[in-house]
Amino acid sequence: MNNKNYLGMFIVILLILFSGVLTIDPVYAAEVGGEYLQYQEPKPTASVSWFSTISYIFSLLLTFALVIGLAYFASRFLGKKLGGLSAIGSNKIVGTLSLGANRAVYIVEIAGKFLILGVTDQNISVLQEITDVEEIKKLKVEQLSVPKEQFEGVFQRQLASLQRLSQTFPSTFGAFTQNEQKQESEKR
C-alpha cells in the first residue's frame, strides 16, 4: 500500500472515533441526582451447586489425565525415533578413554564386532578391530558385571572430600567447631 491509502485509512479511523465521542450524552454524566456516579452494593451471586463443583473437579481430572496420556505417547514416539539412533540392537559403547577436550577413544560393539574408535571434533576413525576371542569374552563379562565396588569407592571418596571441606570451612557448613566435629567422628 502506498501513503495515500494509509492516509485514507487514518482519516476513516479518526472519523469513527470522533463520531463515537460526539454521541456521548454529556447531560447524563453531569446529572447530580442520577445513578451514574453513585455507589451500588454488588448483587449477591447465586449459590454454587454441588453439581457444578463436581463437574469442575471431574473436568480438571480429565484434563490432567489427557495431559499425562499425551506426555506418555509423545515420550514413546520420541523414544522409538531417537532411541534407535543411540542403541540399535546390540550396538553399544563398551568403554571410553578421554584424551582431552573433544578427544576420546571408544570401544564399541557394532554387529557383534568390537571396534576401537578414535573420536575428535572433525573425525571418527577406526583404530583397530578386536578379534582376540579372550579379549572379547573379557569385554562381554565387563559389560554384564555391575561395577558396584567402583560406585562405592567414588561415593566414599566424595564423602571424605566433603568432610575435609567442612572441616576447612566450618562456618560455611554449620556451627560445629573442629573439636565438636572430632567428637562426632569418634562417636561413629
Protein backbone atom coordinates (compact mmCIF):
# COMPACT_ATOMS: atom_id res chain seq x y z
CA MET A 1 0.00 0.00 0.00
CA ASN A 2 1.17 3.48 -0.68
CA ASN A 3 0.99 6.57 1.53
CA LYS A 4 -2.36 7.75 0.10
CA ASN A 5 -4.06 4.54 1.19
CA TYR A 6 -2.59 4.82 4.70
CA LEU A 7 -3.70 8.43 4.94
CA GLY A 8 -7.23 7.49 3.84
CA MET A 9 -7.44 4.67 6.40
CA PHE A 10 -6.17 7.01 9.11
CA ILE A 11 -8.83 9.62 8.29
CA VAL A 12 -11.60 6.98 8.33
CA ILE A 13 -10.45 5.70 11.76
CA LEU A 14 -10.35 9.25 13.14
CA LEU A 15 -13.87 9.94 11.87
CA ILE A 16 -15.18 6.79 13.53
CA LEU A 17 -13.52 7.71 16.85
CA PHE A 18 -14.80 11.31 16.77
CA SER A 19 -18.32 10.23 15.88
CA GLY A 20 -18.32 7.98 18.96
CA VAL A 21 -17.10 10.79 21.21
CA LEU A 22 -19.70 13.20 19.90
CA THR A 23 -22.60 10.82 20.57
CA ILE A 24 -21.91 10.59 24.35
CA ASP A 25 -24.68 12.27 26.26
CA PRO A 26 -22.94 14.96 28.34
CA VAL A 27 -26.15 15.78 30.24
CA TYR A 28 -26.42 12.26 31.71
CA ALA A 29 -22.90 12.34 33.09
CA ALA A 30 -23.47 15.76 34.66
CA GLU A 31 -26.68 14.85 36.48
CA VAL A 32 -26.33 15.29 40.20
CA GLY A 33 -29.24 13.17 41.32
CA GLY A 34 -28.76 10.41 38.74
CA GLU A 35 -27.36 6.99 39.49
CA TYR A 36 -24.45 7.30 37.12
CA LEU A 37 -21.78 8.17 39.69
CA GLN A 38 -23.26 6.66 42.85
CA TYR A 39 -22.06 3.58 44.68
CA GLN A 40 -24.21 0.50 44.45
CA GLU A 41 -23.94 -2.64 46.55
CA PRO A 42 -22.98 -5.65 44.49
CA LYS A 43 -25.79 -8.07 43.96
CA PRO A 44 -25.21 -11.47 45.59
CA THR A 45 -24.50 -14.25 43.16
CA ALA A 46 -26.46 -17.44 43.11
CA SER A 47 -25.13 -20.16 45.39
CA VAL A 48 -22.76 -22.65 43.80
CA SER A 49 -24.32 -26.07 43.48
CA TRP A 50 -22.57 -29.32 44.28
CA PHE A 51 -23.14 -30.48 40.74
CA SER A 52 -21.11 -27.61 39.28
CA THR A 53 -18.30 -28.22 41.79
CA ILE A 54 -18.18 -31.92 40.98
CA SER A 55 -18.27 -31.26 37.25
CA TYR A 56 -15.43 -28.76 37.63
CA ILE A 57 -13.31 -31.29 39.56
CA PHE A 58 -14.14 -34.01 37.02
CA SER A 59 -13.12 -31.78 34.10
CA LEU A 60 -9.90 -30.90 35.92
CA LEU A 61 -9.06 -34.58 36.46
CA LEU A 62 -9.97 -35.40 32.87
CA THR A 63 -7.68 -32.65 31.60
CA PHE A 64 -4.87 -33.88 33.85
CA ALA A 65 -5.31 -37.45 32.57
CA LEU A 66 -5.29 -36.18 28.99
CA VAL A 67 -2.01 -34.29 29.55
CA ILE A 68 -0.42 -37.34 31.20
CA GLY A 69 -1.59 -39.57 28.34
CA LEU A 70 -0.25 -37.21 25.69
CA ALA A 71 3.08 -36.98 27.51
CA TYR A 72 3.28 -40.78 27.66
CA PHE A 73 2.56 -41.26 23.97
CA ALA A 74 4.91 -38.43 22.99
CA SER A 75 7.73 -39.97 25.03
CA ARG A 76 7.10 -43.39 23.46
CA PHE A 77 7.05 -41.86 19.98
CA LEU A 78 10.24 -39.90 20.58
CA GLY A 79 11.84 -42.89 22.29
CA LYS A 80 11.27 -45.02 19.20
CA LYS A 81 12.52 -42.32 16.84
CA LEU A 82 15.53 -41.13 18.84
CA GLY A 83 16.28 -44.28 20.80
CA GLY A 84 17.13 -46.13 17.63
CA LEU A 85 19.91 -43.69 16.96
CA SER A 86 21.81 -44.43 20.16
CA ALA A 87 21.48 -48.19 20.55
CA ILE A 88 20.29 -50.36 17.67
CA GLY A 89 20.09 -53.96 18.80
CA SER A 90 23.36 -54.98 20.42
CA ASN A 91 25.21 -51.82 19.36
CA LYS A 92 26.64 -50.07 22.39
CA ILE A 93 29.59 -48.21 23.77
CA VAL A 94 31.62 -50.60 25.89
CA GLY A 95 34.25 -48.20 27.22
CA THR A 96 35.71 -44.73 26.81
CA LEU A 97 39.03 -43.07 27.43
CA SER A 98 39.11 -39.29 27.38
CA LEU A 99 42.26 -37.83 25.88
CA GLY A 100 41.46 -34.17 26.47
CA ALA A 101 38.97 -31.64 25.27
CA ASN A 102 36.81 -33.14 22.50
CA ARG A 103 39.13 -36.13 22.00
CA ALA A 104 38.45 -39.67 23.11
CA VAL A 105 38.98 -43.34 22.33
CA TYR A 106 35.88 -45.53 22.36
CA ILE A 107 35.46 -49.28 22.40
CA VAL A 108 32.15 -50.03 20.69
CA GLU A 109 30.24 -53.17 19.83
CA ILE A 110 28.62 -52.99 16.42
CA ALA A 111 27.01 -56.00 14.75
CA GLY A 112 28.87 -58.39 17.05
CA LYS A 113 32.26 -56.82 16.29
CA PHE A 114 34.30 -54.87 18.80
CA LEU A 115 35.99 -51.80 17.35
CA ILE A 116 38.34 -49.24 18.84
CA LEU A 117 37.43 -45.78 17.52
CA GLY A 118 39.33 -42.52 17.76
CA VAL A 119 36.90 -39.60 18.01
CA THR A 120 37.64 -35.89 17.60
CA ASP A 121 35.53 -32.89 16.61
CA GLN A 122 36.31 -33.31 12.94
CA ASN A 123 36.87 -37.03 12.52
CA ILE A 124 35.93 -40.53 13.66
CA SER A 125 38.39 -43.19 12.63
CA VAL A 126 38.65 -46.93 13.24
CA LEU A 127 41.89 -47.55 15.07
CA GLN A 128 41.63 -51.31 15.41
CA GLU A 129 39.20 -54.23 15.41
CA ILE A 130 39.41 -56.58 18.38
CA THR A 131 39.49 -60.13 17.05
CA ASP A 132 41.06 -61.95 20.00
CA VAL A 133 38.43 -64.31 21.43
CA GLU A 134 39.68 -63.98 25.01
CA GLU A 135 39.58 -60.16 24.89
CA ILE A 136 36.04 -60.27 23.51
CA LYS A 137 34.98 -62.57 26.37
CA LYS A 138 36.57 -60.18 28.89
CA LEU A 139 34.72 -57.22 27.37
CA LYS A 140 31.40 -59.07 27.45
CA VAL A 141 31.92 -60.08 31.09
CA GLU A 142 32.77 -56.47 32.00
CA GLN A 143 29.54 -55.33 30.31
CA LEU A 144 27.43 -57.73 32.35
CA SER A 145 29.03 -57.05 35.71
CA VAL A 146 27.76 -54.03 37.59
CA PRO A 147 30.66 -52.01 39.00
CA LYS A 148 29.15 -51.71 42.49
CA GLU A 149 32.55 -51.50 44.13
CA GLN A 150 33.53 -48.73 41.79
CA PHE A 151 30.42 -46.71 42.74
CA GLU A 152 31.01 -47.27 46.44
CA GLY A 153 34.63 -46.18 46.08
CA VAL A 154 33.67 -43.00 44.28
CA PHE A 155 30.94 -42.30 46.81
CA GLN A 156 33.30 -42.78 49.75
CA ARG A 157 35.93 -40.52 48.19
CA GLN A 158 33.36 -37.76 47.57
CA LEU A 159 32.02 -38.08 51.09
CA ALA A 160 35.53 -37.85 52.56
CA SER A 161 36.21 -34.81 50.37
CA LEU A 162 33.08 -33.10 51.67
CA GLN A 163 34.08 -33.84 55.25
CA ARG A 164 37.54 -32.33 54.71
CA LEU A 165 35.93 -29.31 53.10
CA SER A 166 33.53 -28.87 56.01
CA GLN A 167 36.47 -29.01 58.43
CA THR A 168 38.34 -26.41 56.41
CA PHE A 169 35.38 -24.00 56.35
CA PRO A 170 33.33 -24.78 59.49
CA SER A 171 31.33 -21.55 59.46
CA THR A 172 30.08 -22.27 55.96
CA PHE A 173 28.95 -25.84 56.61
CA GLY A 174 27.46 -25.44 60.07
CA ALA A 175 28.03 -24.20 63.57
CA PHE A 176 30.25 -27.12 64.64
CA THR A 177 33.72 -26.33 65.78
CA GLN A 178 36.57 -28.65 64.86
CA ASN A 179 36.54 -30.17 68.35
CA GLU A 180 32.84 -30.94 68.07
CA GLN A 181 33.41 -32.49 64.64
CA LYS A 182 36.15 -34.73 66.04
CA GLN A 183 33.82 -35.82 68.83
CA GLU A 184 31.10 -36.59 66.28
CA SER A 185 33.52 -38.60 64.13
CA GLU A 186 34.75 -40.54 67.23
CA LYS A 187 31.15 -41.47 68.06
CA ARG A 188 30.74 -43.01 64.63
